[in-house]
Amino acid sequence: MRRIASAIILSCLTLSLMAQSGIKVNYKGSKPTVTDFAWAAFPSLNYEDEDGCGDHPWSALEDAMKRHSKGLAQEEGEKLIIDSKNGYILFEHAGDEDADYIFRLEVCYWNESDGKHKLIAFNNMASYTEGRPCITEMSGVDFYRYDNATKRMVSCDPPGFKIEYDGIYELPRIGKDIIYTKWNDDGTTKRKVLKWNGRRFNY
């Protein structure tokens, strides 16, 4: 029993140290790009539980980026946009049998005003059917904070707001603000603009 307890404690300590040390971001050149952040985060985003099962929506983007890096065409119904200049990635997958079904993922990062950190967001927007989102337990945004000095990023809470799970978030390709949209039962929508101030979002 003591051995089992010790093993559990050691495992918890290891996970705690990993969380504190963060994820190493490897890159070439003077600074990382949005693709460098994506490659570094994929192992954490495509998690597995203790039974070896898990959610792997980000593996679709990982595969698309592998094809892109090799100069290969994307699979039928898939679209990949890598906008390194604006620090933005969009991946879309249209359903094979249902043309109205679209699955979307986004990656984006912001330079913080202190000049020492970057904020990175990974957005599983939702699936869309006939123009309306189908929000599931996998939908939502994950945030990481990157330290320029250590070259590591650590998972963090959304800066300045709490995630709402009855709508969708759209990351900016142009500009710096996040758009949140909630679909009401009567077909109307409610929209919020989360404004980036260099350190957090305000609305």
N, C-alpha and C. Protein backbone atom coordinates (compact mmCIF):
# COMPACT_ATOMS: atom_id res chain seq x y z
N MET A 1 0.83 -1.21 0.00
CA MET A 1 0.00 0.00 0.00
C MET A 1 0.86 1.25 0.00
N ARG A 2 1.94 1.22 0.82
CA ARG A 2 2.82 2.39 0.85
C ARG A 2 3.47 2.63 -0.51
N ARG A 3 3.85 1.54 -1.19
CA ARG A 3 4.47 1.68 -2.51
C ARG A 3 3.50 2.32 -3.50
N ILE A 4 2.23 1.90 -3.45
CA ILE A 4 1.21 2.47 -4.34
C ILE A 4 1.02 3.95 -4.05
N ALA A 5 0.93 4.28 -2.75
CA ALA A 5 0.75 5.68 -2.36
C ALA A 5 1.94 6.52 -2.79
N SER A 6 3.12 5.96 -2.64
CA SER A 6 4.33 6.70 -3.05
C SER A 6 4.35 6.92 -4.55
N ALA A 7 3.92 5.90 -5.30
CA ALA A 7 3.89 6.02 -6.76
C ALA A 7 2.90 7.10 -7.19
N ILE A 8 1.75 7.15 -6.52
CA ILE A 8 0.74 8.16 -6.84
C ILE A 8 1.27 9.55 -6.54
N ILE A 9 1.92 9.72 -5.38
CA ILE A 9 2.48 11.01 -5.01
C ILE A 9 3.55 11.45 -6.00
N LEU A 10 4.42 10.49 -6.39
CA LEU A 10 5.48 10.79 -7.35
C LEU A 10 4.90 11.21 -8.68
N SER A 11 3.84 10.52 -9.13
CA SER A 11 3.19 10.86 -10.38
C SER A 11 2.60 12.27 -10.34
N CYS A 12 1.97 12.60 -9.22
CA CYS A 12 1.37 13.94 -9.07
C CYS A 12 2.44 15.02 -9.07
N LEU A 13 3.57 14.72 -8.40
CA LEU A 13 4.67 15.69 -8.36
C LEU A 13 5.25 15.90 -9.75
N THR A 14 5.36 14.81 -10.51
CA THR A 14 5.89 14.91 -11.87
C THR A 14 5.00 15.77 -12.75
N LEU A 15 3.68 15.53 -12.67
CA LEU A 15 2.74 16.33 -13.44
C LEU A 15 2.78 17.79 -13.03
N SER A 16 2.95 18.03 -11.70
CA SER A 16 3.02 19.40 -11.20
C SER A 16 4.25 20.11 -11.73
N LEU A 17 5.38 19.40 -11.75
CA LEU A 17 6.62 20.00 -12.27
C LEU A 17 6.50 20.28 -13.75
N MET A 18 5.84 19.38 -14.50
CA MET A 18 5.65 19.59 -15.92
C MET A 18 4.79 20.83 -16.17
N ALA A 19 3.74 20.99 -15.32
CA ALA A 19 2.86 22.15 -15.48
C ALA A 19 3.61 23.44 -15.21
N GLN A 20 4.52 23.40 -14.20
CA GLN A 20 5.28 24.59 -13.84
C GLN A 20 6.34 24.91 -14.89
N SER A 21 7.00 23.88 -15.42
CA SER A 21 8.07 24.11 -16.38
C SER A 21 7.52 24.46 -17.75
N GLY A 22 6.31 23.99 -18.06
CA GLY A 22 5.67 24.34 -19.31
C GLY A 22 6.13 23.48 -20.48
N ILE A 23 5.69 23.89 -21.66
CA ILE A 23 5.96 23.17 -22.90
C ILE A 23 7.05 23.90 -23.67
N LYS A 24 8.10 23.19 -24.02
CA LYS A 24 9.19 23.77 -24.79
C LYS A 24 8.73 24.05 -26.22
N VAL A 25 9.02 25.26 -26.70
CA VAL A 25 8.67 25.64 -28.06
C VAL A 25 9.95 25.71 -28.89
N ASN A 26 10.10 24.82 -29.82
CA ASN A 26 11.28 24.80 -30.69
C ASN A 26 10.99 25.62 -31.95
N TYR A 27 11.95 26.40 -32.37
CA TYR A 27 11.77 27.21 -33.57
C TYR A 27 13.11 27.60 -34.16
N LYS A 28 13.05 28.03 -35.41
CA LYS A 28 14.22 28.54 -36.10
C LYS A 28 14.03 30.03 -36.32
N GLY A 29 15.12 30.76 -36.37
CA GLY A 29 15.01 32.20 -36.57
C GLY A 29 15.02 32.95 -35.25
N SER A 30 14.64 34.21 -35.30
CA SER A 30 14.73 35.07 -34.12
C SER A 30 13.55 34.94 -33.17
N LYS A 31 12.41 34.43 -33.65
CA LYS A 31 11.24 34.30 -32.78
C LYS A 31 10.31 33.22 -33.32
N PRO A 32 9.48 32.63 -32.45
CA PRO A 32 8.56 31.57 -32.91
C PRO A 32 7.41 32.13 -33.73
N THR A 33 6.88 31.28 -34.59
CA THR A 33 5.71 31.63 -35.39
C THR A 33 4.48 30.91 -34.83
N VAL A 34 3.32 31.21 -35.39
CA VAL A 34 2.10 30.56 -34.92
C VAL A 34 2.16 29.06 -35.15
N THR A 35 2.84 28.61 -36.21
CA THR A 35 2.96 27.17 -36.45
C THR A 35 3.85 26.51 -35.40
N ASP A 36 4.87 27.21 -34.92
CA ASP A 36 5.73 26.66 -33.87
C ASP A 36 4.93 26.42 -32.59
N PHE A 37 4.04 27.35 -32.26
CA PHE A 37 3.19 27.18 -31.08
C PHE A 37 2.24 26.00 -31.26
N ALA A 38 1.71 25.85 -32.46
CA ALA A 38 0.79 24.74 -32.73
C ALA A 38 1.50 23.39 -32.60
N TRP A 39 2.68 23.26 -33.23
CA TRP A 39 3.42 21.99 -33.15
C TRP A 39 3.72 21.64 -31.70
N ALA A 40 4.07 22.64 -30.90
CA ALA A 40 4.43 22.38 -29.51
C ALA A 40 3.23 21.93 -28.68
N ALA A 41 2.05 22.46 -28.99
CA ALA A 41 0.87 22.20 -28.16
C ALA A 41 0.10 20.94 -28.55
N PHE A 42 0.29 20.42 -29.75
CA PHE A 42 -0.50 19.28 -30.20
C PHE A 42 -0.52 18.11 -29.22
N PRO A 43 0.62 17.70 -28.64
CA PRO A 43 0.56 16.57 -27.71
C PRO A 43 -0.35 16.82 -26.51
N SER A 44 -0.43 18.07 -26.05
CA SER A 44 -1.30 18.39 -24.91
C SER A 44 -2.76 18.52 -25.33
N LEU A 45 -3.01 19.06 -26.52
CA LEU A 45 -4.38 19.25 -26.98
C LEU A 45 -5.04 17.92 -27.34
N ASN A 46 -4.28 17.00 -27.91
CA ASN A 46 -4.80 15.67 -28.24
C ASN A 46 -4.54 14.73 -27.08
N TYR A 47 -5.29 14.95 -25.99
CA TYR A 47 -5.02 14.22 -24.75
C TYR A 47 -5.67 12.84 -24.75
N GLU A 48 -5.17 12.00 -23.84
CA GLU A 48 -5.75 10.68 -23.61
C GLU A 48 -5.99 10.52 -22.12
N ASP A 49 -7.08 9.82 -21.76
CA ASP A 49 -7.34 9.56 -20.36
C ASP A 49 -6.63 8.28 -19.93
N GLU A 50 -6.86 7.85 -18.69
CA GLU A 50 -6.14 6.70 -18.15
C GLU A 50 -6.50 5.40 -18.85
N ASP A 51 -7.61 5.37 -19.58
CA ASP A 51 -8.01 4.16 -20.31
C ASP A 51 -7.47 4.14 -21.73
N GLY A 52 -6.67 5.18 -22.07
CA GLY A 52 -6.12 5.24 -23.40
C GLY A 52 -7.06 5.85 -24.42
N CYS A 53 -8.20 6.37 -23.93
CA CYS A 53 -9.15 7.04 -24.81
C CYS A 53 -8.98 8.54 -24.66
N GLY A 54 -9.61 9.28 -25.52
CA GLY A 54 -9.51 10.73 -25.39
C GLY A 54 -10.07 11.43 -26.60
N ASP A 55 -9.91 12.76 -26.59
CA ASP A 55 -10.40 13.58 -27.68
C ASP A 55 -9.23 14.03 -28.55
N HIS A 56 -9.38 13.87 -29.85
CA HIS A 56 -8.28 14.18 -30.76
C HIS A 56 -8.71 15.09 -31.90
N PRO A 57 -9.51 16.12 -31.64
CA PRO A 57 -9.93 16.98 -32.76
C PRO A 57 -8.76 17.70 -33.41
N TRP A 58 -7.72 17.98 -32.60
CA TRP A 58 -6.60 18.74 -33.14
C TRP A 58 -5.67 17.90 -34.01
N SER A 59 -5.85 16.59 -33.99
CA SER A 59 -5.04 15.75 -34.87
C SER A 59 -5.34 16.02 -36.33
N ALA A 60 -6.57 16.49 -36.62
CA ALA A 60 -6.93 16.83 -38.00
C ALA A 60 -6.09 18.01 -38.50
N LEU A 61 -5.92 19.02 -37.64
CA LEU A 61 -5.07 20.16 -38.01
C LEU A 61 -3.61 19.74 -38.08
N GLU A 62 -3.18 18.90 -37.16
CA GLU A 62 -1.80 18.41 -37.18
C GLU A 62 -1.50 17.69 -38.49
N ASP A 63 -2.42 16.83 -38.93
CA ASP A 63 -2.23 16.11 -40.19
C ASP A 63 -2.20 17.07 -41.37
N ALA A 64 -3.09 18.09 -41.34
CA ALA A 64 -3.13 19.07 -42.43
C ALA A 64 -1.83 19.86 -42.50
N MET A 65 -1.27 20.20 -41.34
CA MET A 65 -0.02 20.94 -41.32
C MET A 65 1.15 20.08 -41.79
N LYS A 66 1.10 18.78 -41.51
CA LYS A 66 2.13 17.87 -42.00
C LYS A 66 2.09 17.82 -43.52
N ARG A 67 0.88 17.73 -44.09
CA ARG A 67 0.76 17.72 -45.55
C ARG A 67 1.26 19.03 -46.14
N HIS A 68 0.93 20.13 -45.49
CA HIS A 68 1.36 21.46 -45.96
C HIS A 68 2.89 21.56 -45.95
N SER A 69 3.52 21.06 -44.89
CA SER A 69 4.98 21.14 -44.78
C SER A 69 5.70 20.32 -45.84
N LYS A 70 5.00 19.29 -46.36
CA LYS A 70 5.57 18.44 -47.40
C LYS A 70 5.16 18.88 -48.80
N GLY A 71 4.40 19.98 -48.87
CA GLY A 71 3.95 20.47 -50.17
C GLY A 71 2.85 19.66 -50.79
N LEU A 72 2.13 18.90 -49.98
CA LEU A 72 1.05 18.05 -50.49
C LEU A 72 -0.29 18.77 -50.44
N ALA A 73 -1.20 18.37 -51.30
CA ALA A 73 -2.54 18.95 -51.31
C ALA A 73 -3.32 18.45 -50.10
N GLN A 74 -4.28 19.25 -49.66
CA GLN A 74 -5.11 18.84 -48.54
C GLN A 74 -6.16 17.83 -48.99
N GLU A 75 -6.72 17.13 -48.01
CA GLU A 75 -7.76 16.15 -48.32
C GLU A 75 -9.00 16.86 -48.88
N GLU A 76 -9.82 16.13 -49.60
CA GLU A 76 -11.03 16.70 -50.16
C GLU A 76 -11.93 17.22 -49.05
N GLY A 77 -12.44 18.42 -49.21
CA GLY A 77 -13.32 19.02 -48.20
C GLY A 77 -12.58 19.75 -47.10
N GLU A 78 -11.24 19.77 -47.15
CA GLU A 78 -10.46 20.43 -46.11
C GLU A 78 -9.80 21.70 -46.63
N LYS A 79 -9.71 22.69 -45.76
CA LYS A 79 -9.05 23.95 -46.10
C LYS A 79 -8.14 24.36 -44.95
N LEU A 80 -6.92 24.73 -45.27
CA LEU A 80 -5.96 25.16 -44.26
C LEU A 80 -5.43 26.54 -44.64
N ILE A 81 -5.54 27.49 -43.71
CA ILE A 81 -4.96 28.82 -43.88
C ILE A 81 -3.92 29.03 -42.81
N ILE A 82 -2.69 29.28 -43.21
CA ILE A 82 -1.61 29.62 -42.28
C ILE A 82 -1.16 31.03 -42.61
N ASP A 83 -1.51 31.97 -41.77
CA ASP A 83 -1.17 33.37 -41.97
C ASP A 83 -0.12 33.74 -40.92
N SER A 84 1.13 33.44 -41.24
CA SER A 84 2.22 33.67 -40.27
C SER A 84 2.38 35.15 -39.94
N LYS A 85 2.15 36.03 -40.92
CA LYS A 85 2.31 37.46 -40.70
C LYS A 85 1.38 37.96 -39.60
N ASN A 86 0.14 37.48 -39.61
CA ASN A 86 -0.85 37.91 -38.62
C ASN A 86 -0.98 36.93 -37.45
N GLY A 87 -0.13 35.89 -37.42
CA GLY A 87 -0.15 34.95 -36.31
C GLY A 87 -1.45 34.19 -36.18
N TYR A 88 -1.92 33.62 -37.31
CA TYR A 88 -3.26 33.02 -37.31
C TYR A 88 -3.28 31.77 -38.18
N ILE A 89 -4.02 30.74 -37.70
CA ILE A 89 -4.25 29.51 -38.46
C ILE A 89 -5.74 29.20 -38.42
N LEU A 90 -6.29 28.80 -39.58
CA LEU A 90 -7.67 28.32 -39.65
C LEU A 90 -7.69 27.00 -40.39
N PHE A 91 -8.39 26.03 -39.81
CA PHE A 91 -8.59 24.74 -40.46
C PHE A 91 -10.08 24.47 -40.54
N GLU A 92 -10.56 24.10 -41.71
CA GLU A 92 -11.96 23.75 -41.92
C GLU A 92 -12.06 22.39 -42.58
N HIS A 93 -13.03 21.62 -42.11
CA HIS A 93 -13.31 20.32 -42.72
C HIS A 93 -14.80 20.22 -42.99
N ALA A 94 -15.17 20.08 -44.24
CA ALA A 94 -16.57 19.94 -44.63
C ALA A 94 -16.94 18.47 -44.63
N GLY A 95 -18.15 18.17 -44.21
CA GLY A 95 -18.61 16.79 -44.15
C GLY A 95 -18.62 16.13 -45.52
N ASP A 96 -18.27 14.86 -45.55
CA ASP A 96 -18.21 14.15 -46.83
C ASP A 96 -19.59 14.00 -47.48
N GLU A 97 -20.61 13.77 -46.66
CA GLU A 97 -21.94 13.53 -47.20
C GLU A 97 -22.87 14.73 -47.00
N ASP A 98 -22.56 15.57 -46.04
CA ASP A 98 -23.40 16.72 -45.74
C ASP A 98 -22.62 18.00 -46.02
N ALA A 99 -22.94 18.65 -47.13
CA ALA A 99 -22.19 19.84 -47.54
C ALA A 99 -22.41 21.01 -46.58
N ASP A 100 -23.49 20.96 -45.77
CA ASP A 100 -23.77 22.05 -44.84
C ASP A 100 -23.01 21.89 -43.52
N TYR A 101 -22.34 20.76 -43.34
CA TYR A 101 -21.62 20.51 -42.10
C TYR A 101 -20.17 20.96 -42.25
N ILE A 102 -19.72 21.84 -41.35
CA ILE A 102 -18.34 22.33 -41.38
C ILE A 102 -17.77 22.30 -39.97
N PHE A 103 -16.58 21.74 -39.84
CA PHE A 103 -15.86 21.68 -38.56
C PHE A 103 -14.70 22.65 -38.63
N ARG A 104 -14.50 23.49 -37.60
CA ARG A 104 -13.48 24.54 -37.66
C ARG A 104 -12.60 24.57 -36.41
N LEU A 105 -11.31 24.81 -36.66
CA LEU A 105 -10.33 25.01 -35.60
C LEU A 105 -9.53 26.28 -35.91
N GLU A 106 -9.13 27.00 -34.86
CA GLU A 106 -8.33 28.20 -35.04
C GLU A 106 -7.18 28.22 -34.05
N VAL A 107 -6.08 28.88 -34.46
CA VAL A 107 -4.95 29.16 -33.57
C VAL A 107 -4.57 30.63 -33.79
N CYS A 108 -4.26 31.32 -32.71
CA CYS A 108 -3.89 32.73 -32.83
C CYS A 108 -2.99 33.10 -31.65
N TYR A 109 -2.12 34.09 -31.85
CA TYR A 109 -1.35 34.57 -30.70
C TYR A 109 -1.25 36.09 -30.70
N TRP A 110 -1.03 36.61 -29.50
CA TRP A 110 -0.90 38.05 -29.29
C TRP A 110 0.42 38.34 -28.59
N ASN A 111 1.10 39.41 -28.98
CA ASN A 111 2.26 39.89 -28.24
C ASN A 111 1.77 40.72 -27.06
N GLU A 112 2.28 40.41 -25.87
CA GLU A 112 1.88 41.18 -24.70
C GLU A 112 2.66 42.48 -24.61
N SER A 113 2.08 43.46 -23.93
CA SER A 113 2.65 44.81 -23.89
C SER A 113 3.96 44.89 -23.13
N ASP A 114 4.28 43.89 -22.29
CA ASP A 114 5.55 43.92 -21.56
C ASP A 114 6.74 43.54 -22.44
N GLY A 115 6.46 43.05 -23.66
CA GLY A 115 7.53 42.67 -24.56
C GLY A 115 8.23 41.38 -24.19
N LYS A 116 7.74 40.70 -23.14
CA LYS A 116 8.40 39.50 -22.64
C LYS A 116 7.57 38.23 -22.81
N HIS A 117 6.29 38.39 -23.11
CA HIS A 117 5.40 37.24 -23.18
C HIS A 117 4.50 37.32 -24.42
N LYS A 118 3.93 36.15 -24.76
CA LYS A 118 2.92 36.05 -25.81
C LYS A 118 1.77 35.21 -25.26
N LEU A 119 0.57 35.53 -25.71
CA LEU A 119 -0.61 34.77 -25.34
C LEU A 119 -1.06 34.00 -26.58
N ILE A 120 -1.28 32.69 -26.42
CA ILE A 120 -1.67 31.84 -27.54
C ILE A 120 -3.03 31.22 -27.24
N ALA A 121 -3.91 31.21 -28.23
CA ALA A 121 -5.24 30.61 -28.08
C ALA A 121 -5.45 29.52 -29.11
N PHE A 122 -6.05 28.42 -28.67
CA PHE A 122 -6.42 27.29 -29.53
C PHE A 122 -7.92 27.12 -29.42
N ASN A 123 -8.62 27.37 -30.51
CA ASN A 123 -10.07 27.46 -30.49
C ASN A 123 -10.72 26.34 -31.30
N ASN A 124 -11.42 25.46 -30.60
CA ASN A 124 -12.27 24.47 -31.24
C ASN A 124 -13.63 25.14 -31.37
N MET A 125 -13.86 25.82 -32.49
CA MET A 125 -15.00 26.72 -32.62
C MET A 125 -16.33 26.00 -32.43
N ALA A 126 -16.54 24.93 -33.14
CA ALA A 126 -17.78 24.15 -33.11
C ALA A 126 -17.97 23.56 -34.50
N SER A 127 -18.95 22.72 -34.61
CA SER A 127 -19.36 22.24 -35.92
C SER A 127 -20.54 23.09 -36.37
N TYR A 128 -20.60 23.36 -37.66
CA TYR A 128 -21.68 24.18 -38.19
C TYR A 128 -22.57 23.35 -39.11
N THR A 129 -23.87 23.47 -38.90
CA THR A 129 -24.85 22.83 -39.76
C THR A 129 -25.87 23.87 -40.18
N GLU A 130 -25.97 24.09 -41.48
CA GLU A 130 -26.88 25.09 -42.04
C GLU A 130 -26.63 26.46 -41.42
N GLY A 131 -25.36 26.75 -41.21
CA GLY A 131 -24.98 28.07 -40.73
C GLY A 131 -25.08 28.27 -39.23
N ARG A 132 -25.57 27.28 -38.50
CA ARG A 132 -25.69 27.41 -37.04
C ARG A 132 -24.71 26.46 -36.37
N PRO A 133 -24.11 26.90 -35.24
CA PRO A 133 -23.11 26.06 -34.58
C PRO A 133 -23.74 24.92 -33.80
N CYS A 134 -23.05 23.81 -33.78
CA CYS A 134 -23.42 22.67 -32.93
C CYS A 134 -22.35 22.58 -31.85
N ILE A 135 -22.66 23.10 -30.69
CA ILE A 135 -21.69 23.22 -29.60
C ILE A 135 -21.68 21.93 -28.80
N THR A 136 -20.49 21.37 -28.58
CA THR A 136 -20.34 20.14 -27.82
C THR A 136 -19.39 20.37 -26.66
N GLU A 137 -19.14 19.30 -25.88
CA GLU A 137 -18.23 19.42 -24.75
C GLU A 137 -16.80 19.66 -25.20
N MET A 138 -16.50 19.41 -26.47
CA MET A 138 -15.15 19.64 -26.99
C MET A 138 -14.96 21.07 -27.48
N SER A 139 -16.06 21.82 -27.64
CA SER A 139 -15.95 23.19 -28.11
C SER A 139 -15.36 24.08 -27.02
N GLY A 140 -14.66 25.12 -27.44
CA GLY A 140 -14.10 26.05 -26.47
C GLY A 140 -12.68 26.47 -26.82
N VAL A 141 -12.13 27.34 -25.98
CA VAL A 141 -10.82 27.92 -26.23
C VAL A 141 -9.85 27.54 -25.11
N ASP A 142 -8.66 27.11 -25.50
CA ASP A 142 -7.57 26.84 -24.55
C ASP A 142 -6.51 27.92 -24.72
N PHE A 143 -6.03 28.46 -23.59
CA PHE A 143 -5.03 29.52 -23.63
C PHE A 143 -3.70 29.05 -23.03
N TYR A 144 -2.62 29.55 -23.62
CA TYR A 144 -1.27 29.33 -23.11
C TYR A 144 -0.53 30.66 -23.09
N ARG A 145 0.40 30.80 -22.14
CA ARG A 145 1.22 32.01 -22.07
C ARG A 145 2.68 31.60 -22.30
N TYR A 146 3.29 32.26 -23.27
CA TYR A 146 4.66 31.95 -23.67
C TYR A 146 5.62 32.98 -23.09
N ASP A 147 6.73 32.49 -22.54
CA ASP A 147 7.77 33.34 -21.98
C ASP A 147 8.93 33.41 -22.98
N ASN A 148 9.24 34.61 -23.46
CA ASN A 148 10.30 34.76 -24.46
C ASN A 148 11.66 34.31 -23.93
N ALA A 149 11.89 34.48 -22.63
CA ALA A 149 13.19 34.15 -22.04
C ALA A 149 13.40 32.64 -21.91
N THR A 150 12.39 31.93 -21.42
CA THR A 150 12.53 30.49 -21.19
C THR A 150 12.18 29.67 -22.43
N LYS A 151 11.50 30.31 -23.41
CA LYS A 151 11.04 29.63 -24.62
C LYS A 151 10.08 28.49 -24.31
N ARG A 152 9.27 28.70 -23.29
CA ARG A 152 8.26 27.72 -22.89
C ARG A 152 6.90 28.38 -22.75
N MET A 153 5.85 27.60 -22.97
CA MET A 153 4.50 28.12 -22.76
C MET A 153 3.77 27.25 -21.74
N VAL A 154 2.94 27.93 -20.94
CA VAL A 154 2.23 27.27 -19.85
C VAL A 154 0.73 27.52 -20.01
N SER A 155 -0.07 26.49 -19.78
CA SER A 155 -1.51 26.64 -19.84
C SER A 155 -1.98 27.67 -18.83
N CYS A 156 -2.94 28.51 -19.21
CA CYS A 156 -3.40 29.56 -18.32
C CYS A 156 -4.90 29.78 -18.50
N ASP A 157 -5.49 30.50 -17.55
CA ASP A 157 -6.90 30.86 -17.65
C ASP A 157 -7.08 31.97 -18.67
N PRO A 158 -8.28 32.10 -19.23
CA PRO A 158 -8.53 33.22 -20.14
C PRO A 158 -8.27 34.54 -19.42
N PRO A 159 -7.43 35.40 -19.94
CA PRO A 159 -7.12 36.64 -19.24
C PRO A 159 -8.21 37.69 -19.39
N GLY A 160 -8.90 37.97 -18.28
CA GLY A 160 -9.90 39.03 -18.28
C GLY A 160 -11.33 38.59 -18.45
N PHE A 161 -11.58 37.31 -18.71
CA PHE A 161 -12.97 36.85 -18.88
C PHE A 161 -13.07 35.36 -18.59
N LYS A 162 -14.29 34.90 -18.39
CA LYS A 162 -14.55 33.48 -18.18
C LYS A 162 -15.22 32.91 -19.43
N ILE A 163 -14.81 31.71 -19.78
CA ILE A 163 -15.36 31.05 -20.97
C ILE A 163 -16.84 30.75 -20.76
N GLU A 164 -17.66 31.11 -21.74
CA GLU A 164 -19.08 30.76 -21.76
C GLU A 164 -19.26 29.63 -22.77
N TYR A 165 -20.05 28.65 -22.39
CA TYR A 165 -20.16 27.45 -23.22
C TYR A 165 -21.47 27.35 -23.98
N ASP A 166 -22.21 28.46 -24.07
CA ASP A 166 -23.47 28.42 -24.83
C ASP A 166 -23.36 29.24 -26.12
N GLY A 167 -22.13 29.52 -26.55
CA GLY A 167 -21.90 30.26 -27.78
C GLY A 167 -20.55 29.88 -28.35
N ILE A 168 -20.10 30.65 -29.34
CA ILE A 168 -18.80 30.36 -29.97
C ILE A 168 -17.90 31.58 -29.92
N TYR A 169 -16.61 31.33 -29.94
CA TYR A 169 -15.60 32.38 -29.98
C TYR A 169 -14.92 32.34 -31.35
N GLU A 170 -14.64 33.51 -31.87
CA GLU A 170 -13.91 33.63 -33.14
C GLU A 170 -12.64 34.44 -32.89
N LEU A 171 -11.49 33.85 -33.21
CA LEU A 171 -10.21 34.52 -33.01
C LEU A 171 -9.92 35.46 -34.17
N PRO A 172 -9.15 36.50 -33.93
CA PRO A 172 -8.91 37.48 -34.99
C PRO A 172 -7.77 37.10 -35.94
N ARG A 173 -8.06 37.16 -37.22
CA ARG A 173 -6.97 37.10 -38.21
C ARG A 173 -6.48 38.52 -38.49
N ILE A 174 -7.43 39.45 -38.54
CA ILE A 174 -7.12 40.87 -38.68
C ILE A 174 -7.58 41.57 -37.40
N GLY A 175 -6.74 42.42 -36.84
CA GLY A 175 -7.09 43.05 -35.58
C GLY A 175 -6.66 42.19 -34.40
N LYS A 176 -7.15 42.53 -33.20
CA LYS A 176 -6.68 41.85 -31.99
C LYS A 176 -7.80 41.35 -31.09
N ASP A 177 -9.06 41.63 -31.44
CA ASP A 177 -10.16 41.34 -30.54
C ASP A 177 -10.83 40.00 -30.86
N ILE A 178 -11.36 39.35 -29.82
CA ILE A 178 -12.11 38.10 -29.95
C ILE A 178 -13.60 38.43 -30.01
N ILE A 179 -14.32 37.74 -30.89
CA ILE A 179 -15.76 37.92 -31.01
C ILE A 179 -16.47 36.71 -30.41
N TYR A 180 -17.41 36.97 -29.51
CA TYR A 180 -18.23 35.90 -28.92
C TYR A 180 -19.67 36.06 -29.41
N THR A 181 -20.26 34.99 -29.92
CA THR A 181 -21.62 35.03 -30.43
C THR A 181 -22.45 33.92 -29.79
N LYS A 182 -23.61 34.30 -29.28
CA LYS A 182 -24.55 33.34 -28.71
C LYS A 182 -25.79 33.31 -29.58
N TRP A 183 -26.25 32.11 -29.94
CA TRP A 183 -27.46 31.93 -30.72
C TRP A 183 -28.64 31.69 -29.77
N ASN A 184 -29.66 32.53 -29.85
CA ASN A 184 -30.85 32.38 -29.01
C ASN A 184 -31.85 31.43 -29.67
N ASP A 185 -32.78 30.94 -28.87
CA ASP A 185 -33.76 29.98 -29.37
C ASP A 185 -34.64 30.57 -30.47
N ASP A 186 -34.85 31.88 -30.42
CA ASP A 186 -35.72 32.50 -31.43
C ASP A 186 -34.99 32.84 -32.73
N GLY A 187 -33.73 32.42 -32.84
CA GLY A 187 -32.97 32.64 -34.06
C GLY A 187 -32.13 33.90 -34.05
N THR A 188 -32.31 34.76 -33.03
CA THR A 188 -31.49 35.97 -32.93
C THR A 188 -30.14 35.63 -32.29
N THR A 189 -29.21 36.55 -32.41
CA THR A 189 -27.88 36.34 -31.84
C THR A 189 -27.50 37.49 -30.91
N LYS A 190 -26.65 37.17 -29.96
CA LYS A 190 -26.10 38.18 -29.05
C LYS A 190 -24.59 38.16 -29.24
N ARG A 191 -24.01 39.31 -29.46
CA ARG A 191 -22.59 39.41 -29.82
C ARG A 191 -21.83 40.25 -28.80
N LYS A 192 -20.65 39.76 -28.41
CA LYS A 192 -19.75 40.50 -27.53
C LYS A 192 -18.40 40.65 -28.22
N VAL A 193 -17.77 41.80 -28.00
CA VAL A 193 -16.42 42.02 -28.49
C VAL A 193 -15.48 42.06 -27.29
N LEU A 194 -14.55 41.12 -27.24
CA LEU A 194 -13.55 41.08 -26.17
C LEU A 194 -12.31 41.82 -26.67
N LYS A 195 -12.08 43.00 -26.13
CA LYS A 195 -11.02 43.88 -26.64
C LYS A 195 -9.70 43.62 -25.93
N TRP A 196 -8.66 43.40 -26.72
CA TRP A 196 -7.32 43.13 -26.22
C TRP A 196 -6.62 44.45 -25.88
N ASN A 197 -6.10 44.55 -24.64
CA ASN A 197 -5.43 45.77 -24.22
C ASN A 197 -3.91 45.61 -24.05
N GLY A 198 -3.40 44.49 -24.54
CA GLY A 198 -1.97 44.24 -24.41
C GLY A 198 -1.63 43.26 -23.30
N ARG A 199 -2.60 42.98 -22.44
CA ARG A 199 -2.36 42.04 -21.33
C ARG A 199 -3.57 41.15 -21.05
N ARG A 200 -4.75 41.69 -21.35
CA ARG A 200 -5.98 40.95 -21.07
C ARG A 200 -7.09 41.46 -21.98
N PHE A 201 -8.23 40.79 -21.92
CA PHE A 201 -9.38 41.19 -22.72
C PHE A 201 -10.42 41.87 -21.84
N ASN A 202 -10.99 42.95 -22.35
CA ASN A 202 -12.04 43.68 -21.67
C ASN A 202 -13.30 43.70 -22.54
N TYR A 203 -14.47 43.69 -21.90
CA TYR A 203 -15.73 43.83 -22.64
C TYR A 203 -16.78 44.50 -21.76
